[in-house]
Every structure is written in structure tokens, then in C-alpha cells.
Amino acid sequence: MFRSYARWLCALAIVGLIAAGCSAAPGGSTTTAATKVRLQLQWVPQAQFAGEIAAKAEGFYQAEGLDVTFVDGGPNVANITVGCAKDGPEFTLGWVPKALVAVEANGGADCDLVSIAQIFQRSGTRSVSWTTSNITKPEDFRGKKVGVWDFGNEYEVTAGAKKAGLTVGTDYTRVIQAFDMSALLKKEIDVAEAMTYNEYAQVLEAKNPATGKLYQPSDLNVIDWNGVGTAMLQDAVFARKAWLSQTGSEDVAVRFLRATFRGWMFCRDNPDKCVEHVLAAGTTLGKGHQAWQMNEVNPLIWPSPDGIGITSQAAWDQTIKIALDFGVLKAAPATGAFRNDLAQKALQNITGDTKGASFVKGTVQVTEGGN
């Protein structure tokens, strides 16, 4: 089936309709050469990127004539900065406000990223504290040490504090925390920034020295920034406008998105298999932690009311409003900062449930140390 599909792509390429990486072979037949593209991850390989990892492991990228190389992120990698580079990767995974800030800071000249698919439909950011601290809402930050991450990951938290009428440095102390929960576990800070699929689990995977047993959700207070109203769009696929304007690039983008969407659909329906793919990709965290992460990432994507990858105008507008109201952005981004046409084209040729309307979150057993 793949060979027939590849011949069809080549036939179109020959008549100039698309660029499919085809070349003439002896005897007048055609062969396909996979198009090489790079994907800049936002972090190191983990279940946050299970859909992309599965798309490669299950051959979905290959079926689209793509040879995809993952470029790792991490605590010392500014993924958006890498994605902005003129010789940078064709695709970058990142949070929308971080990309918009980078584009604004460079006037759109040295950073022309545009969002071409919105993977996460909901924010996974939380602020976590011990119940003994009595921090249940951002107003309770007053007089506290509030942990946040740097590199633009802190916007939802700082916007929430500002919405509550608090000023950093005057009403609360902002502490740049490591990308883990060690400062909270040591009680060096009162509240820590965490993702539902990562750092929150790190606390639950740790032993309470007072009981000798793992910490429980009842030991913690959690502020959900979706409920506060300062949640912003997170994991999206970005590409450079200059690259997209090149002949054949939009077709490559559609094929990349189609395979990526299929990867996330596969992980929705086969989470255990996707955990195995993530582990095989060389993640630094254990199987138990990746199982938790997979279980928490899926509900950030599903359901996708308009189809996976489609950016909701309402969610985009909320992200921009928060960014403007709380000083993340100086001005609204130019028209075209996001586009849905490529994702819509990718969705047209996918067989299966692209919306996940009946999705139900599963349950996962917490394991000590995430092992």
C-alpha cells in the first residue's frame, strides 16, 4: 500500500503538483528518497512527546516519505531560540507565549515562527504546595516564596499573581526553581510550579519522612491555572515562515502533521505501547513515571473538539489577552501568527477518530521514584 501511495506522490511531483522527493530510476520508473526534517523537542525525550516518538516508531513518518530526526531539548536548551535560527530545524515544539515573545523581541525578522498545529488543547501547569501552607489560590501567595521556572515558562503563574493584585518583590518573593521539586520537598519554597504530567508526580513518587510512605494527593494543595483564568496555550508545532514559503515546504508540513496526529491518536488508544516507545527512545525517567506522564498528557489533548492540531480561536484570544493584560507581550501579534490550513489538510486524509470526543482518562499506579 505504501509503495502505491509513494508512486502516486511521485506522479504528482513529476507533473509539478507537489515536491515529494522523487527521482527518475533506470527504465523510466521512479524511486522515493525520504525527505529529511528535524524536530526540536521542548525537553528531553519523555511521554510529553509520545505522539511524535510513536509516529516515528510505528512508521507513520516513513509512510509519509519523511526521515525525521529529533533534536533534544532540556534545561540548558532554549528550544524557541533554536527554532528561530535561519538554519534551524524545520519544526519546533514549544509553548505559544514563549514563541510569541521571541517573535516580538526580534521584530519578526530574526524570528519568524508561526504556529501550524496546536497539540495540547489545555494547559498542564499547576502551582503545588503543602496543605499546611494554606495556599489554595493566588491571593495566598502574599508573603510567600513562590517558585517558578525561567525561560518564559512562568507566565501563567506570574499573570495569575498579578490578576490577584500582587506585585512581585513587594507582595511575594519570586524564586527561580530548578526543573524539579527538590526545593518544595526541602521546604525551601512555599509553592512550586509543576506540570501535571511531570513535577507533580515527582512529589507523589517521593517518601514522606514522617510516615515512611509515599506522599499522597491529600498532602498537597494544587492551583489549576485553567480555573484561575490565566492558562495559556502550550505545546504547539511551529515552523519558520521563510521555510514554509519555499517550494514544497507546505506539502512536507502537511505530511509531517498527518503522521504526528496519527501518532497521538495511537497513543490515546495504546498508551502502554507508547510508554514502551518512549522508554526505547532513551528517556532518563523510569517506566512508572512515563506511565503517569502518558496518562496525564492524553487529557491535555483529548478531546480535541475541532480535530487534533486545530487552534481554537477562543483559546488563542485568551492567550493573547492574558499576555497583553499582564505584560507578557507589548502588542498583539500580527495576523498570521497561527494558521489552521495545514492541519486541516492533514486531517482530511486520516482514517479514524481525530477528535476523541469519547475519551476517558485512565488510572495509573504511582511508583516510588517513578521506577
Protein backbone atom coordinates (compact mmCIF):
# COMPACT_ATOMS: atom_id res chain seq x y z
CA MET A 1 0.00 0.00 0.00
CA PHE A 2 2.84 2.37 0.89
CA ARG A 3 4.52 1.73 -2.46
CA SER A 4 1.32 2.64 -4.32
CA TYR A 5 0.96 5.79 -2.24
CA ALA A 6 4.60 6.68 -2.89
CA ARG A 7 4.18 6.18 -6.65
CA TRP A 8 1.12 8.45 -6.55
CA LEU A 9 3.13 11.15 -4.76
CA CYS A 10 5.91 10.79 -7.32
CA ALA A 11 3.46 11.05 -10.20
CA LEU A 12 2.18 14.32 -8.82
CA ALA A 13 5.73 15.53 -8.30
CA ILE A 14 6.63 14.75 -11.90
CA VAL A 15 3.82 16.94 -13.20
CA GLY A 16 4.85 19.67 -10.78
CA LEU A 17 1.93 19.49 -8.38
CA ILE A 18 3.98 18.66 -5.28
CA ALA A 19 7.57 18.09 -4.24
CA ALA A 20 7.79 14.53 -2.99
CA GLY A 21 11.50 13.87 -3.06
CA CYS A 22 11.26 11.63 -6.15
CA SER A 23 13.92 10.87 -8.72
CA ALA A 24 13.94 9.03 -12.01
CA ALA A 25 15.21 5.46 -11.95
CA PRO A 26 16.53 3.36 -14.84
CA GLY A 27 13.83 2.19 -17.20
CA GLY A 28 11.63 5.22 -16.55
CA SER A 29 10.39 4.09 -13.12
CA THR A 30 10.65 6.28 -10.03
CA THR A 31 12.14 5.83 -6.59
CA THR A 32 11.44 7.84 -3.49
CA ALA A 33 14.07 9.46 -1.32
CA ALA A 34 12.76 10.29 2.14
CA THR A 35 12.72 14.00 2.89
CA LYS A 36 14.92 14.74 5.89
CA VAL A 37 13.44 17.07 8.50
CA ARG A 38 14.32 17.92 12.08
CA LEU A 39 12.02 18.34 15.07
CA GLN A 40 13.24 20.40 18.01
CA LEU A 41 11.76 18.92 21.18
CA GLN A 42 10.88 21.19 24.08
CA TRP A 43 12.60 18.85 26.54
CA VAL A 44 14.45 15.55 26.63
CA PRO A 45 12.56 12.51 25.28
CA GLN A 46 9.59 11.72 27.51
CA ALA A 47 5.89 10.94 27.16
CA GLN A 48 5.16 14.65 26.66
CA PHE A 49 6.30 13.87 23.10
CA ALA A 50 4.91 10.34 22.92
CA GLY A 51 2.88 11.10 19.80
CA GLU A 52 5.92 12.19 17.84
CA ILE A 53 8.03 9.32 19.20
CA ALA A 54 5.27 6.83 18.29
CA ALA A 55 4.87 8.35 14.82
CA LYS A 56 8.50 7.51 14.18
CA ALA A 57 8.49 4.10 15.88
CA GLU A 58 5.26 2.97 14.20
CA GLY A 59 6.43 4.10 10.74
CA PHE A 60 3.91 6.90 10.27
CA TYR A 61 6.60 9.41 9.25
CA GLN A 62 8.16 6.86 6.93
CA ALA A 63 4.77 6.25 5.31
CA GLU A 64 4.65 9.97 4.52
CA GLY A 65 8.09 9.87 2.91
CA LEU A 66 9.79 11.61 5.82
CA ASP A 67 13.02 10.88 7.68
CA VAL A 68 12.56 12.74 10.98
CA THR A 69 15.41 13.48 13.37
CA PHE A 70 14.54 14.52 16.93
CA VAL A 71 16.70 17.27 18.44
CA ASP A 72 16.64 17.05 22.23
CA GLY A 73 15.75 19.98 24.43
CA GLY A 74 16.49 20.18 28.14
CA PRO A 75 17.18 22.59 30.99
CA ASN A 76 20.05 24.24 29.12
CA VAL A 77 18.37 24.40 25.72
CA ALA A 78 16.22 27.39 24.71
CA ASN A 79 14.11 25.44 22.24
CA ILE A 80 12.39 28.50 20.78
CA THR A 81 15.73 30.24 20.18
CA VAL A 82 16.96 27.14 18.35
CA GLY A 83 13.75 27.03 16.33
CA CYS A 84 14.12 30.67 15.30
CA ALA A 85 17.52 30.20 13.71
CA LYS A 86 17.58 30.54 9.93
CA ASP A 87 19.42 27.23 9.65
CA GLY A 88 17.40 25.74 12.47
CA PRO A 89 15.04 22.75 12.48
CA GLU A 90 12.07 22.65 10.16
CA PHE A 91 9.70 22.06 13.10
CA THR A 92 9.80 23.12 16.75
CA LEU A 93 7.62 22.05 19.66
CA GLY A 94 7.01 24.81 22.18
CA TRP A 95 4.64 26.91 24.21
CA VAL A 96 2.74 29.59 22.33
CA PRO A 97 3.50 32.62 24.58
CA LYS A 98 7.23 31.82 24.58
CA ALA A 99 7.26 31.79 20.78
CA LEU A 100 5.24 35.00 20.54
CA VAL A 101 7.61 36.78 22.92
CA ALA A 102 10.58 35.66 20.82
CA VAL A 103 8.96 36.87 17.60
CA GLU A 104 8.06 40.22 19.17
CA ALA A 105 11.54 40.69 20.64
CA ASN A 106 13.09 40.18 17.21
CA GLY A 107 10.54 42.20 15.30
CA GLY A 108 9.67 39.13 13.23
CA ALA A 109 12.95 39.49 11.35
CA ASP A 110 15.29 37.14 13.18
CA CYS A 111 12.44 35.00 14.50
CA ASP A 112 9.54 34.34 12.14
CA LEU A 113 7.95 31.32 13.81
CA VAL A 114 4.31 30.61 13.11
CA SER A 115 2.14 28.04 14.87
CA ILE A 116 0.89 25.43 12.39
CA ALA A 117 -0.73 22.96 14.81
CA GLN A 118 -1.95 23.14 18.39
CA ILE A 119 -1.35 19.75 20.02
CA PHE A 120 -2.28 20.49 23.66
CA GLN A 121 -5.79 21.88 23.96
CA ARG A 122 -5.38 22.57 27.68
CA SER A 123 -2.65 23.82 29.99
CA GLY A 124 -0.87 21.33 32.24
CA THR A 125 0.68 23.99 34.50
CA ARG A 126 -0.09 23.92 38.22
CA SER A 127 1.26 25.51 41.38
CA VAL A 128 1.74 22.94 44.15
CA SER A 129 2.15 23.49 47.87
CA TRP A 130 1.81 21.58 51.13
CA THR A 131 -1.64 21.69 52.70
CA THR A 132 -0.02 23.07 55.85
CA SER A 133 0.90 26.24 53.90
CA ASN A 134 -2.79 27.04 53.28
CA ILE A 135 -2.13 28.21 49.72
CA THR A 136 -5.25 27.41 47.72
CA LYS A 137 -5.46 30.45 45.43
CA PRO A 138 -3.02 33.02 44.02
CA GLU A 139 -4.10 35.60 46.63
CA ASP A 140 -2.44 33.32 49.18
CA PHE A 141 0.98 33.97 47.60
CA ARG A 142 1.23 37.11 49.73
CA GLY A 143 4.32 36.93 51.91
CA LYS A 144 5.36 33.59 50.41
CA LYS A 145 8.29 32.27 48.41
CA VAL A 146 6.79 31.36 45.04
CA GLY A 147 8.77 29.03 42.84
CA VAL A 148 8.61 29.46 39.05
CA TRP A 149 10.69 28.35 36.11
CA ASP A 150 12.55 30.71 33.82
CA PHE A 151 12.76 30.87 30.00
CA GLY A 152 9.12 32.00 29.65
CA ASN A 153 7.64 29.00 31.43
CA GLU A 154 6.46 31.20 34.30
CA TYR A 155 3.91 33.40 32.52
CA GLU A 156 0.74 31.67 33.74
CA VAL A 157 1.87 31.83 37.37
CA THR A 158 3.06 35.45 37.31
CA ALA A 159 -0.05 36.52 35.38
CA GLY A 160 -2.22 34.76 37.96
CA ALA A 161 -0.46 36.57 40.81
CA LYS A 162 -0.87 39.90 39.04
CA LYS A 163 -4.55 39.16 38.43
CA ALA A 164 -4.86 38.64 42.19
CA GLY A 165 -3.43 42.13 42.69
CA LEU A 166 0.00 41.03 43.88
CA THR A 167 3.30 42.61 42.90
CA VAL A 168 6.43 40.53 42.71
CA GLY A 169 9.11 41.66 45.15
CA THR A 170 6.61 43.62 47.20
CA ASP A 171 3.83 41.15 47.96
CA TYR A 172 5.66 37.89 47.32
CA THR A 173 9.14 36.62 46.54
CA ARG A 174 9.68 35.01 43.18
CA VAL A 175 12.22 32.20 43.32
CA ILE A 176 13.63 30.63 40.17
CA GLN A 177 13.37 26.92 40.87
CA ALA A 178 15.11 24.03 39.19
CA PHE A 179 13.08 21.89 36.80
CA ASP A 180 12.23 19.51 39.62
CA MET A 181 10.50 19.58 43.02
CA SER A 182 13.57 19.44 45.26
CA ALA A 183 13.04 22.97 46.62
CA LEU A 184 9.46 22.15 47.63
CA LEU A 185 10.42 18.78 49.13
CA LYS A 186 13.12 20.52 51.20
CA LYS A 187 10.61 23.26 52.10
CA GLU A 188 12.94 25.93 50.71
CA ILE A 189 9.97 27.47 48.90
CA ASP A 190 6.29 27.61 49.84
CA VAL A 191 4.83 26.79 46.45
CA ALA A 192 6.33 25.28 43.31
CA GLU A 193 5.46 25.38 39.63
CA ALA A 194 4.74 21.93 38.27
CA MET A 195 3.30 20.15 35.27
CA THR A 196 0.55 17.61 35.90
CA TYR A 197 2.48 15.08 33.86
CA ASN A 198 5.89 15.56 35.41
CA GLU A 199 6.83 17.52 38.54
CA TYR A 200 3.55 16.92 40.38
CA ALA A 201 4.20 13.19 40.05
CA GLN A 202 7.74 13.67 41.36
CA VAL A 203 6.29 14.67 44.74
CA LEU A 204 3.91 11.70 44.82
CA GLU A 205 6.81 9.39 43.94
CA ALA A 206 8.81 10.60 46.96
CA LYS A 207 8.61 9.21 50.51
CA ASN A 208 7.22 11.28 53.36
CA PRO A 209 9.90 11.03 56.07
CA ALA A 210 7.23 11.38 58.74
CA THR A 211 5.33 8.27 57.60
CA GLY A 212 7.87 6.30 55.59
CA LYS A 213 5.26 6.04 52.84
CA LEU A 214 4.80 7.89 49.57
CA TYR A 215 3.25 11.33 49.70
CA GLN A 216 -0.46 11.40 48.87
CA PRO A 217 -2.54 13.94 46.90
CA SER A 218 -4.19 14.81 50.22
CA ASP A 219 -0.82 16.20 51.41
CA LEU A 220 -0.90 18.83 48.67
CA ASN A 221 -2.83 21.88 47.53
CA VAL A 222 -2.91 22.43 43.79
CA ILE A 223 -3.79 25.63 41.91
CA ASP A 224 -5.04 24.93 38.38
CA TRP A 225 -4.37 27.96 36.17
CA ASN A 226 -7.11 26.84 33.79
CA GLY A 227 -9.57 27.54 36.61
CA VAL A 228 -7.93 30.82 37.61
CA GLY A 229 -8.27 32.06 34.03
CA THR A 230 -4.62 32.66 33.18
CA ALA A 231 -3.97 29.38 31.36
CA MET A 232 -2.21 29.83 28.04
CA LEU A 233 -1.73 27.58 25.02
CA GLN A 234 1.19 25.25 25.43
CA ASP A 235 2.64 22.52 23.20
CA ALA A 236 2.22 23.58 19.58
CA VAL A 237 4.13 22.81 16.38
CA PHE A 238 5.96 25.81 14.94
CA ALA A 239 7.69 26.37 11.63
CA ARG A 240 9.53 29.33 10.17
CA LYS A 241 7.58 31.43 7.67
CA ALA A 242 10.66 31.70 5.46
CA TRP A 243 10.92 27.92 5.29
CA LEU A 244 7.19 27.46 4.68
CA SER A 245 7.42 29.88 1.74
CA GLN A 246 9.88 27.61 -0.07
CA THR A 247 8.53 25.37 -2.83
CA GLY A 248 7.29 22.07 -1.45
CA SER A 249 7.65 23.00 2.23
CA GLU A 250 3.92 23.28 2.89
CA ASP A 251 3.42 19.80 1.49
CA VAL A 252 6.17 18.49 3.77
CA ALA A 253 4.49 20.24 6.70
CA VAL A 254 1.12 18.63 5.92
CA ARG A 255 2.70 15.19 5.73
CA PHE A 256 4.59 15.79 8.98
CA LEU A 257 1.42 16.89 10.77
CA ARG A 258 -0.62 13.99 9.41
CA ALA A 259 1.89 11.47 10.75
CA THR A 260 2.17 13.33 14.06
CA PHE A 261 -1.61 13.38 14.53
CA ARG A 262 -1.73 9.65 13.81
CA GLY A 263 0.98 9.19 16.45
CA TRP A 264 -1.10 10.95 19.09
CA MET A 265 -4.21 9.01 18.10
CA PHE A 266 -2.18 5.82 18.50
CA CYS A 267 -1.04 6.92 21.99
CA ARG A 268 -4.60 7.72 23.00
CA ASP A 269 -5.68 4.21 22.07
CA ASN A 270 -2.46 2.37 23.00
CA PRO A 271 -0.88 4.22 25.95
CA ASP A 272 1.08 1.22 27.23
CA LYS A 273 2.69 0.67 23.83
CA CYS A 274 3.60 4.34 23.63
CA VAL A 275 5.28 4.18 27.05
CA GLU A 276 7.44 1.38 25.65
CA HIS A 277 8.32 3.55 22.62
CA VAL A 278 9.29 6.42 24.94
CA LEU A 279 11.49 4.17 27.03
CA ALA A 280 13.17 2.85 23.88
CA ALA A 281 13.83 6.46 22.79
CA GLY A 282 16.20 6.87 25.73
CA THR A 283 14.21 8.76 28.36
CA THR A 284 16.05 9.43 31.62
CA LEU A 285 12.99 8.75 33.82
CA GLY A 286 11.57 5.38 34.78
CA LYS A 287 8.71 3.33 33.40
CA GLY A 288 6.36 4.22 36.26
CA HIS A 289 6.90 7.94 35.74
CA GLN A 290 6.41 7.67 31.98
CA ALA A 291 3.19 5.71 32.51
CA TRP A 292 1.94 8.53 34.77
CA GLN A 293 3.04 11.10 32.23
CA MET A 294 1.31 9.37 29.34
CA ASN A 295 -1.90 9.18 31.39
CA GLU A 296 -1.75 12.91 32.17
CA VAL A 297 -0.73 14.13 28.70
CA ASN A 298 -3.61 12.42 26.90
CA PRO A 299 -6.33 14.51 28.63
CA LEU A 300 -4.47 17.70 27.70
CA ILE A 301 -5.07 16.72 24.06
CA TRP A 302 -8.32 14.77 24.12
CA PRO A 303 -10.96 15.63 23.40
CA SER A 304 -9.92 17.97 20.57
CA PRO A 305 -13.32 19.43 19.61
CA ASP A 306 -12.30 20.59 16.14
CA GLY A 307 -9.84 17.79 15.46
CA ILE A 308 -6.33 17.32 16.81
CA GLY A 309 -3.99 20.13 15.81
CA ILE A 310 -6.63 22.78 15.23
CA THR A 311 -6.07 26.02 17.14
CA SER A 312 -9.22 27.26 18.84
CA GLN A 313 -9.70 30.96 18.14
CA ALA A 314 -11.16 31.41 21.62
CA ALA A 315 -8.16 29.75 23.29
CA TRP A 316 -5.79 31.79 21.13
CA ASP A 317 -7.61 35.02 22.00
CA GLN A 318 -7.45 34.17 25.72
CA THR A 319 -3.72 33.53 25.48
CA ILE A 320 -3.18 36.86 23.73
CA LYS A 321 -5.42 38.76 26.17
CA ILE A 322 -3.57 37.38 29.18
CA ALA A 323 -0.23 38.07 27.53
CA LEU A 324 -1.23 41.69 26.90
CA ASP A 325 -3.03 42.33 30.18
CA PHE A 326 -0.16 41.08 32.30
CA GLY A 327 2.75 42.45 30.30
CA VAL A 328 3.97 39.27 28.65
CA LEU A 329 3.54 40.91 25.23
CA LYS A 330 3.71 44.60 24.37
CA ALA A 331 1.37 44.33 21.40
CA ALA A 332 -0.91 41.77 19.81
CA PRO A 333 0.89 39.54 17.30
CA ALA A 334 0.42 40.21 13.61
CA THR A 335 -2.26 38.40 11.66
CA GLY A 336 -0.98 35.01 10.61
CA ALA A 337 0.81 34.20 13.88
CA PHE A 338 -1.09 30.94 13.72
CA ARG A 339 -2.66 29.09 10.82
CA ASN A 340 -5.02 26.12 10.68
CA ASP A 341 -4.98 25.37 6.95
CA LEU A 342 -2.07 22.93 7.05
CA ALA A 343 -3.55 20.99 9.99
CA GLN A 344 -6.92 20.90 8.23
CA LYS A 345 -5.32 19.43 5.12
CA ALA A 346 -3.53 16.85 7.26
CA LEU A 347 -6.79 15.84 8.93
CA GLN A 348 -8.59 15.31 5.62
CA ASN A 349 -6.69 12.11 4.81
CA ILE A 350 -6.65 10.49 8.25
CA THR A 351 -8.85 7.47 8.85
CA GLY A 352 -10.09 7.19 12.43
CA ASP A 353 -11.24 9.34 15.32
CA THR A 354 -9.40 12.65 15.14
CA LYS A 355 -11.46 14.33 17.89
CA GLY A 356 -11.56 11.81 20.72
CA ALA A 357 -14.94 13.01 21.96
CA SER A 358 -15.47 9.82 23.98
CA PHE A 359 -12.00 9.85 25.56
CA VAL A 360 -11.89 8.82 29.22
CA LYS A 361 -8.76 9.31 31.30
CA GLY A 362 -7.29 6.10 32.68
CA THR A 363 -5.71 5.39 36.06
CA VAL A 364 -2.06 4.75 36.85
CA GLN A 365 -0.41 3.43 40.00
CA VAL A 366 2.24 5.77 41.43
CA THR A 367 5.60 4.05 41.88
CA GLU A 368 8.41 5.07 44.20
CA GLY A 369 10.94 7.13 42.32
CA GLY A 370 8.91 6.67 39.16
CA ASN A 371 10.54 3.30 38.58
